Each structure stands twice: as structure tokens, then as C-alpha cells.
């Protein structure tokens, strides 16, 4: 079995912007900090992708049920066990 990348938690990054984004992720609109915690291991990628996701999901461009289907399909493609 492949090893898993442990997601960063808010406050664990040396970059305060990353910590703030992770905090917003946990408490805000996406309500799931695990995916962004893994992406946060590459701070510049996290800083780039959060606004993109925000444009799609937080601003209502993608309906919640479609968003959930996207998560499920992504999990299936990546053979996630959850």
C-alpha cells in the first residue's frame, strides 16, 4: 500500500498565509481541510488553487450536489478508501 501524505493542519506551516487558508478551509465554505492540507505542503500551489476553487464552489458557480459528485468521482479515480 502506498504511503499517505499527511495533511498540514492550520498553524503547522511556517507560512502564515497557508495557515490562514487552511483555517478558512476547515471553518469556511469547503469544510474539509484534508485535501487543502495536503496541497498546503506546496504553499504556492495552495495559494494559487484556493481562489480557483473559490470561484467555482464558494460563489455558487457549481451546485452543491454537483460538487459532491465531483468529490466522489475524484475519490473513485484515485482509489480512495473513504
C-alpha atoms as a PDB file:
ATOM      1  CA  UNK A   1       0.000   0.000   0.000  1.00  0.00           C
ATOM      2  CA  UNK A   2       1.297   3.440  -0.890  1.00  0.00           C
ATOM      3  CA  UNK A   3       2.172   5.782   1.926  1.00  0.00           C
ATOM      4  CA  UNK A   4      -0.208   8.636   2.579  1.00  0.00           C
ATOM      5  CA  UNK A   5       0.777  12.272   2.647  1.00  0.00           C
ATOM      6  CA  UNK A   6      -0.237  13.725   5.966  1.00  0.00           C
ATOM      7  CA  UNK A   7      -2.199  16.956   5.559  1.00  0.00           C
ATOM      8  CA  UNK A   8      -0.998  20.099   7.242  1.00  0.00           C
ATOM      9  CA  UNK A   9      -3.257  21.435   9.942  1.00  0.00           C
ATOM     10  CA  UNK A  10      -3.815  25.151  10.483  1.00  0.00           C
ATOM     11  CA  UNK A  11      -0.842  26.514  12.400  1.00  0.00           C
ATOM     12  CA  UNK A  12       1.630  23.855  11.222  1.00  0.00           C
ATOM     13  CA  UNK A  13       3.041  25.780   8.261  1.00  0.00           C
ATOM     14  CA  UNK A  14       5.863  28.289   8.525  1.00  0.00           C
ATOM     15  CA  UNK A  15       3.852  30.408   6.069  1.00  0.00           C
ATOM     16  CA  UNK A  16       1.120  32.455   7.801  1.00  0.00           C
ATOM     17  CA  UNK A  17      -0.876  32.746   4.557  1.00  0.00           C
ATOM     18  CA  UNK A  18      -1.013  28.953   4.266  1.00  0.00           C
ATOM     19  CA  UNK A  19      -2.146  28.702   7.885  1.00  0.00           C
ATOM     20  CA  UNK A  20      -4.911  31.224   7.236  1.00  0.00           C
ATOM     21  CA  UNK A  21      -6.069  29.387   4.102  1.00  0.00           C
ATOM     22  CA  UNK A  22      -6.124  26.093   5.994  1.00  0.00           C
ATOM     23  CA  UNK A  23      -8.084  27.694   8.829  1.00  0.00           C
ATOM     24  CA  UNK A  24     -10.593  29.095   6.351  1.00  0.00           C
ATOM     25  CA  UNK A  25     -10.806  25.683   4.722  1.00  0.00           C
ATOM     26  CA  UNK A  26     -11.586  23.944   7.954  1.00  0.00           C
ATOM     27  CA  UNK A  27     -14.071  26.518   9.196  1.00  0.00           C
ATOM     28  CA  UNK A  28     -15.334  28.016   5.950  1.00  0.00           C
ATOM     29  CA  UNK A  29     -17.098  27.116   2.762  1.00  0.00           C
ATOM     30  CA  UNK A  30     -15.314  23.875   1.845  1.00  0.00           C
ATOM     31  CA  UNK A  31     -15.459  22.403   5.358  1.00  0.00           C
ATOM     32  CA  UNK A  32     -12.730  19.884   4.581  1.00  0.00           C
ATOM     33  CA  UNK A  33      -9.164  20.822   5.292  1.00  0.00           C
ATOM     34  CA  UNK A  34      -7.626  17.423   4.424  1.00  0.00           C
ATOM     35  CA  UNK A  35      -7.322  17.954   0.670  1.00  0.00           C
ATOM     36  CA  UNK A  36      -6.079  21.506   1.065  1.00  0.00           C
ATOM     37  CA  UNK A  37      -3.821  20.385   3.905  1.00  0.00           C
ATOM     38  CA  UNK A  38      -2.047  18.047   1.501  1.00  0.00           C
ATOM     39  CA  UNK A  39      -1.873  20.729  -1.182  1.00  0.00           C
ATOM     40  CA  UNK A  40      -0.514  23.066   1.512  1.00  0.00           C
ATOM     41  CA  UNK A  41       2.694  21.060   1.509  1.00  0.00           C
ATOM     42  CA  UNK A  42       3.349  23.124  -1.638  1.00  0.00           C
ATOM     43  CA  UNK A  43       2.465  26.631  -0.394  1.00  0.00           C
ATOM     44  CA  UNK A  44       2.497  28.354  -3.782  1.00  0.00           C
ATOM     45  CA  UNK A  45       0.163  25.741  -5.244  1.00  0.00           C
ATOM     46  CA  UNK A  46      -2.264  26.176  -2.344  1.00  0.00           C
ATOM     47  CA  UNK A  47      -2.215  29.962  -2.730  1.00  0.00           C
ATOM     48  CA  UNK A  48      -2.991  29.542  -6.426  1.00  0.00           C
ATOM     49  CA  UNK A  49      -5.671  26.869  -6.252  1.00  0.00           C
ATOM     50  CA  UNK A  50      -7.796  28.224  -3.392  1.00  0.00           C
ATOM     51  CA  UNK A  51      -9.022  31.233  -5.415  1.00  0.00           C
ATOM     52  CA  UNK A  52      -9.827  28.923  -8.332  1.00  0.00           C
ATOM     53  CA  UNK A  53     -11.870  26.615  -6.108  1.00  0.00           C
ATOM     54  CA  UNK A  54     -13.487  29.659  -4.530  1.00  0.00           C
ATOM     55  CA  UNK A  55     -14.579  30.918  -7.933  1.00  0.00           C
ATOM     56  CA  UNK A  56     -16.189  27.575  -8.723  1.00  0.00           C
ATOM     57  CA  UNK A  57     -17.646  26.489  -5.423  1.00  0.00           C
ATOM     58  CA  UNK A  58     -17.912  29.306  -2.886  1.00  0.00           C
ATOM     59  CA  UNK A  59     -19.547  31.692  -5.310  1.00  0.00           C
ATOM     60  CA  UNK A  60     -22.233  29.244  -6.364  1.00  0.00           C
ATOM     61  CA  UNK A  61     -20.966  28.537  -9.878  1.00  0.00           C
ATOM     62  CA  UNK A  62     -21.243  24.807  -9.218  1.00  0.00           C
ATOM     63  CA  UNK A  63     -24.286  23.500  -7.378  1.00  0.00           C
ATOM     64  CA  UNK A  64     -23.537  21.648  -4.110  1.00  0.00           C
ATOM     65  CA  UNK A  65     -24.750  18.260  -5.367  1.00  0.00           C
ATOM     66  CA  UNK A  66     -22.502  18.544  -8.446  1.00  0.00           C
ATOM     67  CA  UNK A  67     -19.602  19.498  -6.185  1.00  0.00           C
ATOM     68  CA  UNK A  68     -20.195  16.355  -4.123  1.00  0.00           C
ATOM     69  CA  UNK A  69     -20.352  14.220  -7.270  1.00  0.00           C
ATOM     70  CA  UNK A  70     -17.018  15.714  -8.321  1.00  0.00           C
ATOM     71  CA  UNK A  71     -15.514  14.740  -4.957  1.00  0.00           C
ATOM     72  CA  UNK A  72     -16.864  11.216  -5.237  1.00  0.00           C
ATOM     73  CA  UNK A  73     -15.589  10.777  -8.792  1.00  0.00           C
ATOM     74  CA  UNK A  74     -12.174  12.130  -7.846  1.00  0.00           C
ATOM     75  CA  UNK A  75     -12.049   9.662  -4.954  1.00  0.00           C
ATOM     76  CA  UNK A  76     -13.032   6.820  -7.264  1.00  0.00           C
ATOM     77  CA  UNK A  77     -10.423   7.759  -9.872  1.00  0.00           C
ATOM     78  CA  UNK A  78      -7.741   7.891  -7.180  1.00  0.00           C
ATOM     79  CA  UNK A  79      -8.939   4.686  -5.499  1.00  0.00           C
ATOM     80  CA  UNK A  80      -9.591   6.433  -2.185  1.00  0.00           C
ATOM     81  CA  UNK A  81     -10.903   4.238   0.585  1.00  0.00           C
ATOM     82  CA  UNK A  82     -13.154   6.865   2.178  1.00  0.00           C
END
